[in-house]
Amino acid sequence: MSSRRVLVINGHPDPSGQRYCTALSAAYLRGADLAGHQIRRLDVGALKLPPIQSQAEFLAEPDETARAVQAAIRWAQHVVIVYPLWLGGPPAVLKAFFEQVFRYGFAVAAPGEKGGGLMKGKTARVIVTMGMPAPFFSLVFDRAGLKCLARGILRLAGFSVRSTIIGGVEGSPERRKAWLNRIESLGVRAV
């Protein structure tokens, strides 16, 4: 297996590092590092990227923080996004992150321009955690809180996307450890 450039984005809003999403991000990075992949990490909770509040703001040039994130995504061949499901979707801070970073000319071509999704050739893995059982999320909620990110943002931008749903995160320590091991093995393969 050849080395890949891997960027892991911890989408949990809490920058303290005491969250399961932080542990999952670290597990993926640990596996990728052990396998010799080049790795980088971003913690959304530590960035200052407020939500976009107007069309003019969306069309304006991104600030320095957003440009640095764009550079990290351009560098990566494979992007991993880890986040908790909050009120049925990604946390607002993660949504603001994508609003600031995935602008016209970076993620997608501007209306009327050719090119569509500008991230073609890149792959992504979305890892979403939740308190409810994963089958309940899939059957009752039709994975809506995952689809909005995977389809509505990443696939639209051209990424080939895979997902992992981790339900019942408040379960036993043994179960949480087993998930950390699974995520580390995904990191080894950079998939």
N, C-alpha and C. Protein backbone atom coordinates (compact mmCIF):
# COMPACT_ATOMS: atom_id res chain seq x y z
N MET A 1 0.85 -1.18 0.00
CA MET A 1 0.00 0.00 0.00
C MET A 1 0.90 1.24 0.00
N SER A 2 0.57 2.18 -0.85
CA SER A 2 1.39 3.39 -0.89
C SER A 2 0.93 4.39 0.17
N SER A 3 1.83 5.26 0.51
CA SER A 3 1.55 6.28 1.51
C SER A 3 0.56 7.30 0.97
N ARG A 4 -0.34 7.73 1.82
CA ARG A 4 -1.32 8.76 1.45
C ARG A 4 -1.18 9.95 2.38
N ARG A 5 -1.63 11.10 1.91
CA ARG A 5 -1.69 12.30 2.75
C ARG A 5 -3.09 12.35 3.36
N VAL A 6 -3.13 12.25 4.70
CA VAL A 6 -4.38 12.12 5.44
C VAL A 6 -4.59 13.31 6.36
N LEU A 7 -5.76 13.93 6.25
CA LEU A 7 -6.15 15.02 7.14
C LEU A 7 -7.34 14.55 7.96
N VAL A 8 -7.22 14.60 9.29
CA VAL A 8 -8.33 14.25 10.18
C VAL A 8 -8.88 15.54 10.78
N ILE A 9 -10.18 15.73 10.61
CA ILE A 9 -10.87 16.91 11.14
C ILE A 9 -11.77 16.46 12.29
N ASN A 10 -11.40 16.87 13.51
CA ASN A 10 -12.22 16.59 14.68
C ASN A 10 -13.30 17.67 14.73
N GLY A 11 -14.53 17.27 14.40
CA GLY A 11 -15.62 18.23 14.31
C GLY A 11 -16.37 18.48 15.61
N HIS A 12 -15.85 18.01 16.71
CA HIS A 12 -16.52 18.27 18.00
C HIS A 12 -16.27 19.72 18.40
N PRO A 13 -17.30 20.45 18.81
CA PRO A 13 -17.13 21.85 19.19
C PRO A 13 -16.31 22.09 20.44
N ASP A 14 -16.20 21.09 21.32
CA ASP A 14 -15.48 21.26 22.58
C ASP A 14 -13.98 21.09 22.34
N PRO A 15 -13.20 22.17 22.48
CA PRO A 15 -11.77 22.09 22.21
C PRO A 15 -10.95 21.49 23.35
N SER A 16 -11.60 21.08 24.44
CA SER A 16 -10.86 20.60 25.61
C SER A 16 -10.12 19.29 25.37
N GLY A 17 -10.56 18.52 24.40
CA GLY A 17 -9.90 17.25 24.12
C GLY A 17 -10.39 16.10 24.97
N GLN A 18 -11.45 16.29 25.74
CA GLN A 18 -11.94 15.25 26.64
C GLN A 18 -13.14 14.49 26.06
N ARG A 19 -13.33 14.54 24.77
CA ARG A 19 -14.50 13.95 24.14
C ARG A 19 -14.13 12.68 23.37
N TYR A 20 -15.12 11.82 23.18
CA TYR A 20 -14.89 10.58 22.45
C TYR A 20 -14.49 10.86 21.00
N CYS A 21 -15.03 11.90 20.39
CA CYS A 21 -14.63 12.26 19.02
C CYS A 21 -13.13 12.56 18.96
N THR A 22 -12.60 13.17 20.01
CA THR A 22 -11.16 13.45 20.07
C THR A 22 -10.38 12.14 20.13
N ALA A 23 -10.84 11.20 20.93
CA ALA A 23 -10.18 9.89 21.03
C ALA A 23 -10.26 9.14 19.70
N LEU A 24 -11.40 9.20 19.03
CA LEU A 24 -11.54 8.55 17.72
C LEU A 24 -10.61 9.18 16.69
N SER A 25 -10.51 10.51 16.70
CA SER A 25 -9.60 11.21 15.78
C SER A 25 -8.16 10.77 16.03
N ALA A 26 -7.79 10.70 17.31
CA ALA A 26 -6.43 10.27 17.66
C ALA A 26 -6.17 8.83 17.25
N ALA A 27 -7.18 7.96 17.39
CA ALA A 27 -7.02 6.56 17.00
C ALA A 27 -6.78 6.44 15.50
N TYR A 28 -7.55 7.18 14.71
CA TYR A 28 -7.36 7.14 13.26
C TYR A 28 -5.95 7.63 12.90
N LEU A 29 -5.55 8.73 13.50
CA LEU A 29 -4.21 9.28 13.23
C LEU A 29 -3.11 8.31 13.66
N ARG A 30 -3.30 7.65 14.78
CA ARG A 30 -2.31 6.69 15.27
C ARG A 30 -2.13 5.57 14.25
N GLY A 31 -3.23 5.03 13.75
CA GLY A 31 -3.15 3.97 12.75
C GLY A 31 -2.49 4.44 11.47
N ALA A 32 -2.87 5.63 11.01
CA ALA A 32 -2.29 6.17 9.78
C ALA A 32 -0.79 6.41 9.94
N ASP A 33 -0.41 6.92 11.09
CA ASP A 33 1.01 7.18 11.36
C ASP A 33 1.80 5.87 11.41
N LEU A 34 1.26 4.85 12.07
CA LEU A 34 1.93 3.55 12.15
C LEU A 34 2.15 2.94 10.76
N ALA A 35 1.22 3.21 9.84
CA ALA A 35 1.31 2.66 8.49
C ALA A 35 2.19 3.51 7.57
N GLY A 36 2.70 4.63 8.08
CA GLY A 36 3.59 5.46 7.27
C GLY A 36 2.92 6.51 6.42
N HIS A 37 1.63 6.75 6.66
CA HIS A 37 0.94 7.82 5.93
C HIS A 37 1.36 9.18 6.49
N GLN A 38 1.30 10.19 5.65
CA GLN A 38 1.56 11.55 6.12
C GLN A 38 0.27 12.05 6.77
N ILE A 39 0.36 12.65 7.93
CA ILE A 39 -0.85 13.01 8.67
C ILE A 39 -0.85 14.47 9.11
N ARG A 40 -2.07 15.01 9.15
CA ARG A 40 -2.33 16.33 9.74
C ARG A 40 -3.68 16.24 10.44
N ARG A 41 -3.89 17.19 11.37
CA ARG A 41 -5.13 17.20 12.14
C ARG A 41 -5.61 18.64 12.33
N LEU A 42 -6.92 18.79 12.29
CA LEU A 42 -7.57 20.07 12.60
C LEU A 42 -8.64 19.80 13.66
N ASP A 43 -8.75 20.70 14.63
CA ASP A 43 -9.80 20.61 15.64
C ASP A 43 -10.73 21.81 15.45
N VAL A 44 -11.92 21.55 14.94
CA VAL A 44 -12.87 22.61 14.62
C VAL A 44 -13.18 23.47 15.85
N GLY A 45 -13.28 22.85 17.02
CA GLY A 45 -13.60 23.60 18.24
C GLY A 45 -12.55 24.63 18.62
N ALA A 46 -11.33 24.48 18.12
CA ALA A 46 -10.26 25.44 18.43
C ALA A 46 -10.14 26.55 17.39
N LEU A 47 -10.88 26.43 16.29
CA LEU A 47 -10.83 27.45 15.23
C LEU A 47 -11.89 28.52 15.47
N LYS A 48 -11.64 29.67 14.96
CA LYS A 48 -12.63 30.76 15.07
C LYS A 48 -13.23 31.02 13.69
N LEU A 49 -14.24 30.22 13.35
CA LEU A 49 -14.91 30.35 12.05
C LEU A 49 -16.41 30.51 12.29
N PRO A 50 -16.89 31.76 12.35
CA PRO A 50 -18.31 32.00 12.62
C PRO A 50 -19.18 31.63 11.42
N PRO A 51 -20.47 31.45 11.63
CA PRO A 51 -21.36 31.15 10.51
C PRO A 51 -21.43 32.31 9.53
N ILE A 52 -21.66 31.97 8.27
CA ILE A 52 -21.88 32.96 7.23
C ILE A 52 -23.28 33.53 7.42
N GLN A 53 -23.42 34.86 7.30
CA GLN A 53 -24.73 35.47 7.57
C GLN A 53 -25.36 36.16 6.38
N SER A 54 -24.68 36.15 5.22
CA SER A 54 -25.28 36.77 4.03
C SER A 54 -24.63 36.21 2.78
N GLN A 55 -25.28 36.39 1.65
CA GLN A 55 -24.71 35.97 0.38
C GLN A 55 -23.43 36.73 0.10
N ALA A 56 -23.42 38.03 0.38
CA ALA A 56 -22.22 38.84 0.16
C ALA A 56 -21.04 38.31 0.98
N GLU A 57 -21.31 37.90 2.20
CA GLU A 57 -20.25 37.35 3.05
C GLU A 57 -19.72 36.03 2.47
N PHE A 58 -20.64 35.20 1.94
CA PHE A 58 -20.23 33.93 1.35
C PHE A 58 -19.37 34.16 0.10
N LEU A 59 -19.68 35.19 -0.65
CA LEU A 59 -18.96 35.48 -1.89
C LEU A 59 -17.64 36.21 -1.66
N ALA A 60 -17.46 36.76 -0.46
CA ALA A 60 -16.22 37.48 -0.14
C ALA A 60 -15.06 36.51 0.02
N GLU A 61 -13.85 37.05 0.00
CA GLU A 61 -12.66 36.23 0.21
C GLU A 61 -12.67 35.67 1.63
N PRO A 62 -12.30 34.41 1.79
CA PRO A 62 -12.24 33.84 3.14
C PRO A 62 -11.11 34.47 3.96
N ASP A 63 -11.27 34.41 5.28
CA ASP A 63 -10.23 34.98 6.14
C ASP A 63 -9.02 34.04 6.21
N GLU A 64 -8.01 34.46 6.95
CA GLU A 64 -6.75 33.72 7.03
C GLU A 64 -6.94 32.30 7.58
N THR A 65 -7.79 32.15 8.59
CA THR A 65 -8.03 30.82 9.17
C THR A 65 -8.65 29.90 8.13
N ALA A 66 -9.68 30.37 7.44
CA ALA A 66 -10.34 29.55 6.41
C ALA A 66 -9.37 29.21 5.28
N ARG A 67 -8.52 30.14 4.89
CA ARG A 67 -7.54 29.86 3.83
C ARG A 67 -6.54 28.80 4.28
N ALA A 68 -6.14 28.81 5.55
CA ALA A 68 -5.22 27.80 6.07
C ALA A 68 -5.89 26.41 6.05
N VAL A 69 -7.17 26.35 6.39
CA VAL A 69 -7.90 25.08 6.34
C VAL A 69 -8.01 24.61 4.88
N GLN A 70 -8.32 25.53 3.98
CA GLN A 70 -8.38 25.17 2.56
C GLN A 70 -7.05 24.58 2.08
N ALA A 71 -5.94 25.17 2.51
CA ALA A 71 -4.62 24.65 2.13
C ALA A 71 -4.42 23.23 2.65
N ALA A 72 -4.87 22.96 3.87
CA ALA A 72 -4.73 21.62 4.44
C ALA A 72 -5.59 20.62 3.66
N ILE A 73 -6.78 21.01 3.26
CA ILE A 73 -7.65 20.12 2.48
C ILE A 73 -7.07 19.90 1.08
N ARG A 74 -6.54 20.94 0.47
CA ARG A 74 -5.88 20.78 -0.84
C ARG A 74 -4.72 19.78 -0.73
N TRP A 75 -3.96 19.86 0.35
CA TRP A 75 -2.81 18.98 0.57
C TRP A 75 -3.24 17.52 0.68
N ALA A 76 -4.37 17.27 1.33
CA ALA A 76 -4.81 15.92 1.64
C ALA A 76 -5.33 15.17 0.42
N GLN A 77 -5.06 13.88 0.41
CA GLN A 77 -5.69 12.97 -0.55
C GLN A 77 -6.93 12.34 0.07
N HIS A 78 -6.90 12.18 1.39
CA HIS A 78 -7.99 11.55 2.12
C HIS A 78 -8.31 12.41 3.35
N VAL A 79 -9.58 12.76 3.50
CA VAL A 79 -10.03 13.59 4.60
C VAL A 79 -10.99 12.79 5.47
N VAL A 80 -10.77 12.82 6.77
CA VAL A 80 -11.63 12.13 7.74
C VAL A 80 -12.29 13.20 8.60
N ILE A 81 -13.61 13.12 8.71
CA ILE A 81 -14.35 14.07 9.54
C ILE A 81 -15.06 13.28 10.64
N VAL A 82 -14.78 13.62 11.88
CA VAL A 82 -15.36 12.93 13.03
C VAL A 82 -16.23 13.96 13.78
N TYR A 83 -17.50 13.61 14.01
CA TYR A 83 -18.35 14.56 14.74
C TYR A 83 -19.47 13.84 15.48
N PRO A 84 -20.01 14.49 16.52
CA PRO A 84 -21.16 13.93 17.23
C PRO A 84 -22.46 14.40 16.57
N LEU A 85 -23.46 13.57 16.60
CA LEU A 85 -24.78 13.96 16.12
C LEU A 85 -25.45 14.79 17.21
N TRP A 86 -25.79 16.03 16.89
CA TRP A 86 -26.47 16.91 17.84
C TRP A 86 -27.79 17.34 17.23
N LEU A 87 -28.87 17.09 17.92
CA LEU A 87 -30.21 17.45 17.45
C LEU A 87 -30.44 17.01 16.01
N GLY A 88 -29.97 15.82 15.69
CA GLY A 88 -30.23 15.23 14.39
C GLY A 88 -29.27 15.59 13.28
N GLY A 89 -28.26 16.40 13.56
CA GLY A 89 -27.32 16.80 12.52
C GLY A 89 -25.96 17.15 13.08
N PRO A 90 -25.07 17.65 12.22
CA PRO A 90 -23.75 18.08 12.70
C PRO A 90 -23.90 19.29 13.64
N PRO A 91 -23.01 19.45 14.60
CA PRO A 91 -23.05 20.64 15.46
C PRO A 91 -22.93 21.92 14.62
N ALA A 92 -23.52 22.99 15.09
CA ALA A 92 -23.51 24.26 14.35
C ALA A 92 -22.10 24.74 14.05
N VAL A 93 -21.17 24.51 14.96
CA VAL A 93 -19.78 24.94 14.74
C VAL A 93 -19.18 24.23 13.53
N LEU A 94 -19.51 22.96 13.36
CA LEU A 94 -19.00 22.21 12.20
C LEU A 94 -19.66 22.71 10.92
N LYS A 95 -20.93 23.01 10.97
CA LYS A 95 -21.62 23.56 9.79
C LYS A 95 -21.01 24.91 9.42
N ALA A 96 -20.73 25.77 10.40
CA ALA A 96 -20.09 27.06 10.13
C ALA A 96 -18.70 26.86 9.52
N PHE A 97 -17.98 25.85 9.99
CA PHE A 97 -16.67 25.51 9.43
C PHE A 97 -16.79 25.27 7.93
N PHE A 98 -17.75 24.43 7.53
CA PHE A 98 -17.93 24.14 6.10
C PHE A 98 -18.41 25.35 5.31
N GLU A 99 -19.27 26.17 5.91
CA GLU A 99 -19.70 27.39 5.23
C GLU A 99 -18.51 28.30 4.93
N GLN A 100 -17.62 28.43 5.87
CA GLN A 100 -16.46 29.31 5.71
C GLN A 100 -15.45 28.74 4.73
N VAL A 101 -15.26 27.44 4.73
CA VAL A 101 -14.18 26.81 3.97
C VAL A 101 -14.61 26.39 2.57
N PHE A 102 -15.78 25.79 2.42
CA PHE A 102 -16.21 25.23 1.13
C PHE A 102 -16.95 26.27 0.30
N ARG A 103 -16.23 27.27 -0.14
CA ARG A 103 -16.80 28.36 -0.94
C ARG A 103 -16.60 28.11 -2.42
N TYR A 104 -17.28 28.96 -3.23
CA TYR A 104 -17.09 28.91 -4.67
C TYR A 104 -15.61 29.10 -5.00
N GLY A 105 -15.14 28.33 -5.95
CA GLY A 105 -13.75 28.44 -6.36
C GLY A 105 -12.83 27.54 -5.56
N PHE A 106 -13.28 27.05 -4.43
CA PHE A 106 -12.49 26.09 -3.66
C PHE A 106 -13.12 24.70 -3.74
N ALA A 107 -14.33 24.55 -3.27
CA ALA A 107 -14.99 23.24 -3.24
C ALA A 107 -15.84 23.00 -4.48
N VAL A 108 -16.52 24.01 -4.93
CA VAL A 108 -17.38 23.91 -6.11
C VAL A 108 -17.17 25.13 -7.01
N ALA A 109 -17.43 24.91 -8.29
CA ALA A 109 -17.33 26.02 -9.23
C ALA A 109 -18.47 27.01 -8.96
N ALA A 110 -18.22 28.26 -9.25
CA ALA A 110 -19.26 29.28 -9.08
C ALA A 110 -20.40 29.03 -10.06
N PRO A 111 -21.61 29.47 -9.72
CA PRO A 111 -22.74 29.28 -10.65
C PRO A 111 -22.39 29.84 -12.04
N GLY A 112 -22.69 29.04 -13.06
CA GLY A 112 -22.40 29.46 -14.43
C GLY A 112 -21.01 29.06 -14.92
N GLU A 113 -20.13 28.63 -14.01
CA GLU A 113 -18.78 28.19 -14.40
C GLU A 113 -18.77 26.68 -14.54
N LYS A 114 -17.87 26.18 -15.38
CA LYS A 114 -17.72 24.74 -15.55
C LYS A 114 -16.83 24.17 -14.46
N GLY A 115 -16.98 22.90 -14.21
CA GLY A 115 -16.08 22.24 -13.25
C GLY A 115 -16.80 21.49 -12.16
N GLY A 116 -17.97 21.93 -11.75
CA GLY A 116 -18.71 21.23 -10.69
C GLY A 116 -17.89 21.13 -9.42
N GLY A 117 -17.82 19.92 -8.88
CA GLY A 117 -17.06 19.68 -7.65
C GLY A 117 -15.57 19.73 -7.92
N LEU A 118 -14.87 20.56 -7.20
CA LEU A 118 -13.44 20.80 -7.44
C LEU A 118 -12.54 19.88 -6.61
N MET A 119 -13.13 18.98 -5.83
CA MET A 119 -12.35 18.05 -5.00
C MET A 119 -12.31 16.65 -5.61
N LYS A 120 -12.60 16.54 -6.89
CA LYS A 120 -12.60 15.23 -7.56
C LYS A 120 -11.24 14.55 -7.37
N GLY A 121 -11.28 13.24 -7.14
CA GLY A 121 -10.07 12.48 -6.93
C GLY A 121 -9.71 12.30 -5.46
N LYS A 122 -10.35 13.07 -4.59
CA LYS A 122 -10.11 12.95 -3.15
C LYS A 122 -11.15 12.01 -2.54
N THR A 123 -10.76 11.36 -1.45
CA THR A 123 -11.69 10.49 -0.73
C THR A 123 -11.94 11.06 0.67
N ALA A 124 -13.06 10.65 1.25
CA ALA A 124 -13.39 11.10 2.60
C ALA A 124 -14.04 9.97 3.37
N ARG A 125 -13.84 9.98 4.66
CA ARG A 125 -14.52 9.09 5.60
C ARG A 125 -15.19 9.98 6.62
N VAL A 126 -16.50 9.83 6.80
CA VAL A 126 -17.24 10.56 7.82
C VAL A 126 -17.56 9.58 8.94
N ILE A 127 -17.16 9.94 10.16
CA ILE A 127 -17.42 9.12 11.34
C ILE A 127 -18.33 9.93 12.25
N VAL A 128 -19.55 9.44 12.46
CA VAL A 128 -20.51 10.17 13.28
C VAL A 128 -20.85 9.34 14.51
N THR A 129 -20.83 9.99 15.68
CA THR A 129 -21.16 9.33 16.94
C THR A 129 -22.51 9.82 17.43
N MET A 130 -23.17 8.97 18.22
CA MET A 130 -24.48 9.35 18.75
C MET A 130 -24.85 8.49 19.94
N GLY A 131 -25.77 8.98 20.72
CA GLY A 131 -26.24 8.23 21.87
C GLY A 131 -27.21 7.13 21.49
N MET A 132 -28.02 7.36 20.47
CA MET A 132 -29.01 6.35 20.06
C MET A 132 -28.32 5.19 19.34
N PRO A 133 -28.98 4.04 19.29
CA PRO A 133 -28.41 2.91 18.55
C PRO A 133 -28.31 3.24 17.06
N ALA A 134 -27.23 2.81 16.42
CA ALA A 134 -27.01 3.09 15.01
C ALA A 134 -28.15 2.59 14.12
N PRO A 135 -28.70 1.38 14.35
CA PRO A 135 -29.81 0.94 13.48
C PRO A 135 -31.04 1.85 13.57
N PHE A 136 -31.30 2.39 14.77
CA PHE A 136 -32.43 3.31 14.95
C PHE A 136 -32.20 4.57 14.11
N PHE A 137 -30.97 5.10 14.14
CA PHE A 137 -30.61 6.27 13.33
C PHE A 137 -30.82 5.99 11.84
N SER A 138 -30.42 4.82 11.41
CA SER A 138 -30.54 4.46 10.00
C SER A 138 -31.99 4.22 9.59
N LEU A 139 -32.73 3.45 10.39
CA LEU A 139 -34.09 3.08 10.00
C LEU A 139 -35.11 4.19 10.23
N VAL A 140 -35.07 4.83 11.37
CA VAL A 140 -36.08 5.83 11.71
C VAL A 140 -35.74 7.21 11.14
N PHE A 141 -34.47 7.60 11.23
CA PHE A 141 -34.08 8.93 10.78
C PHE A 141 -33.46 8.94 9.38
N ASP A 142 -33.37 7.75 8.76
CA ASP A 142 -32.84 7.63 7.40
C ASP A 142 -31.47 8.29 7.24
N ARG A 143 -30.68 8.27 8.34
CA ARG A 143 -29.31 8.82 8.33
C ARG A 143 -29.26 10.30 7.92
N ALA A 144 -30.32 11.03 8.17
CA ALA A 144 -30.41 12.42 7.71
C ALA A 144 -29.24 13.28 8.20
N GLY A 145 -28.83 13.13 9.43
CA GLY A 145 -27.74 13.94 9.98
C GLY A 145 -26.39 13.61 9.40
N LEU A 146 -26.31 12.50 8.70
CA LEU A 146 -25.09 12.12 7.99
C LEU A 146 -25.18 12.53 6.52
N LYS A 147 -26.35 12.33 5.94
CA LYS A 147 -26.53 12.66 4.52
C LYS A 147 -26.28 14.13 4.22
N CYS A 148 -26.69 15.01 5.14
CA CYS A 148 -26.51 16.45 4.88
C CYS A 148 -25.04 16.79 4.69
N LEU A 149 -24.17 16.12 5.41
CA LEU A 149 -22.73 16.37 5.28
C LEU A 149 -22.12 15.56 4.14
N ALA A 150 -22.41 14.26 4.11
CA ALA A 150 -21.79 13.39 3.11
C ALA A 150 -22.23 13.73 1.69
N ARG A 151 -23.53 13.91 1.50
CA ARG A 151 -24.04 14.19 0.15
C ARG A 151 -24.09 15.68 -0.16
N GLY A 152 -24.65 16.43 0.78
CA GLY A 152 -24.91 17.85 0.53
C GLY A 152 -23.67 18.73 0.52
N ILE A 153 -22.57 18.24 1.09
CA ILE A 153 -21.34 19.04 1.10
C ILE A 153 -20.21 18.29 0.41
N LEU A 154 -19.85 17.12 0.93
CA LEU A 154 -18.66 16.43 0.43
C LEU A 154 -18.83 15.88 -0.99
N ARG A 155 -19.89 15.14 -1.25
CA ARG A 155 -20.08 14.61 -2.61
C ARG A 155 -20.30 15.73 -3.62
N LEU A 156 -21.03 16.74 -3.21
CA LEU A 156 -21.23 17.90 -4.08
C LEU A 156 -19.89 18.52 -4.48
N ALA A 157 -18.93 18.50 -3.55
CA ALA A 157 -17.60 19.04 -3.82
C ALA A 157 -16.73 18.08 -4.63
N GLY A 158 -17.19 16.84 -4.82
CA GLY A 158 -16.45 15.90 -5.64
C GLY A 158 -15.77 14.76 -4.89
N PHE A 159 -15.86 14.75 -3.56
CA PHE A 159 -15.26 13.68 -2.78
C PHE A 159 -15.98 12.35 -3.02
N SER A 160 -15.25 11.26 -2.99
CA SER A 160 -15.82 9.93 -2.88
C SER A 160 -15.91 9.66 -1.38
N VAL A 161 -17.12 9.35 -0.88
CA VAL A 161 -17.36 9.35 0.57
C VAL A 161 -17.76 7.97 1.09
N ARG A 162 -17.16 7.59 2.21
CA ARG A 162 -17.57 6.42 3.00
C ARG A 162 -17.95 6.92 4.38
N SER A 163 -18.75 6.13 5.08
CA SER A 163 -19.16 6.58 6.42
C SER A 163 -19.12 5.45 7.43
N THR A 164 -18.99 5.85 8.68
CA THR A 164 -19.02 4.95 9.82
C THR A 164 -19.94 5.57 10.86
N ILE A 165 -20.93 4.81 11.32
CA ILE A 165 -21.87 5.28 12.33
C ILE A 165 -21.59 4.52 13.63
N ILE A 166 -21.34 5.29 14.69
CA ILE A 166 -21.08 4.69 16.00
C ILE A 166 -22.21 5.10 16.94
N GLY A 167 -23.13 4.19 17.17
CA GLY A 167 -24.26 4.46 18.06
C GLY A 167 -23.97 3.97 19.47
N GLY A 168 -24.78 4.46 20.40
CA GLY A 168 -24.66 4.03 21.80
C GLY A 168 -23.32 4.35 22.42
N VAL A 169 -22.80 5.55 22.15
CA VAL A 169 -21.45 5.89 22.61
C VAL A 169 -21.32 5.96 24.12
N GLU A 170 -22.41 6.04 24.82
CA GLU A 170 -22.34 6.06 26.28
C GLU A 170 -22.33 4.65 26.86
N GLY A 171 -22.10 3.65 26.01
CA GLY A 171 -22.08 2.26 26.42
C GLY A 171 -20.85 1.90 27.24
N SER A 172 -20.58 0.63 27.28
CA SER A 172 -19.50 0.11 28.11
C SER A 172 -18.13 0.56 27.64
N PRO A 173 -17.17 0.65 28.57
CA PRO A 173 -15.80 0.99 28.19
C PRO A 173 -15.21 -0.02 27.19
N GLU A 174 -15.60 -1.28 27.30
CA GLU A 174 -15.10 -2.30 26.38
C GLU A 174 -15.58 -2.02 24.96
N ARG A 175 -16.83 -1.63 24.82
CA ARG A 175 -17.39 -1.32 23.50
C ARG A 175 -16.70 -0.09 22.90
N ARG A 176 -16.49 0.93 23.72
CA ARG A 176 -15.81 2.14 23.23
C ARG A 176 -14.38 1.81 22.79
N LYS A 177 -13.70 0.96 23.56
CA LYS A 177 -12.34 0.55 23.21
C LYS A 177 -12.33 -0.23 21.90
N ALA A 178 -13.33 -1.10 21.70
CA ALA A 178 -13.42 -1.87 20.46
C ALA A 178 -13.58 -0.94 19.26
N TRP A 179 -14.39 0.12 19.42
CA TRP A 179 -14.54 1.10 18.33
C TRP A 179 -13.23 1.84 18.06
N LEU A 180 -12.52 2.19 19.11
CA LEU A 180 -11.23 2.86 18.91
C LEU A 180 -10.28 1.96 18.11
N ASN A 181 -10.29 0.67 18.41
CA ASN A 181 -9.44 -0.27 17.67
C ASN A 181 -9.86 -0.36 16.20
N ARG A 182 -11.18 -0.38 15.95
CA ARG A 182 -11.68 -0.43 14.56
C ARG A 182 -11.27 0.82 13.79
N ILE A 183 -11.41 1.97 14.44
CA ILE A 183 -11.07 3.23 13.78
C ILE A 183 -9.57 3.30 13.52
N GLU A 184 -8.76 2.81 14.45
CA GLU A 184 -7.31 2.78 14.24
C GLU A 184 -6.97 1.91 13.02
N SER A 185 -7.68 0.79 12.86
CA SER A 185 -7.42 -0.08 11.70
C SER A 185 -7.82 0.61 10.39
N LEU A 186 -8.86 1.44 10.42
CA LEU A 186 -9.19 2.24 9.23
C LEU A 186 -8.06 3.21 8.91
N GLY A 187 -7.46 3.78 9.96
CA GLY A 187 -6.34 4.69 9.77
C GLY A 187 -5.13 4.01 9.15
N VAL A 188 -4.88 2.77 9.53
CA VAL A 188 -3.77 2.01 8.95
C VAL A 188 -3.94 1.93 7.44
N ARG A 189 -5.17 1.67 7.01
CA ARG A 189 -5.45 1.52 5.58
C ARG A 189 -5.75 2.85 4.89
N ALA A 190 -5.91 3.91 5.69
CA ALA A 190 -6.26 5.24 5.17
C ALA A 190 -7.48 5.17 4.26
N VAL A 191 -8.54 4.55 4.80
CA VAL A 191 -9.81 4.45 4.08
C VAL A 191 -10.93 5.01 4.93
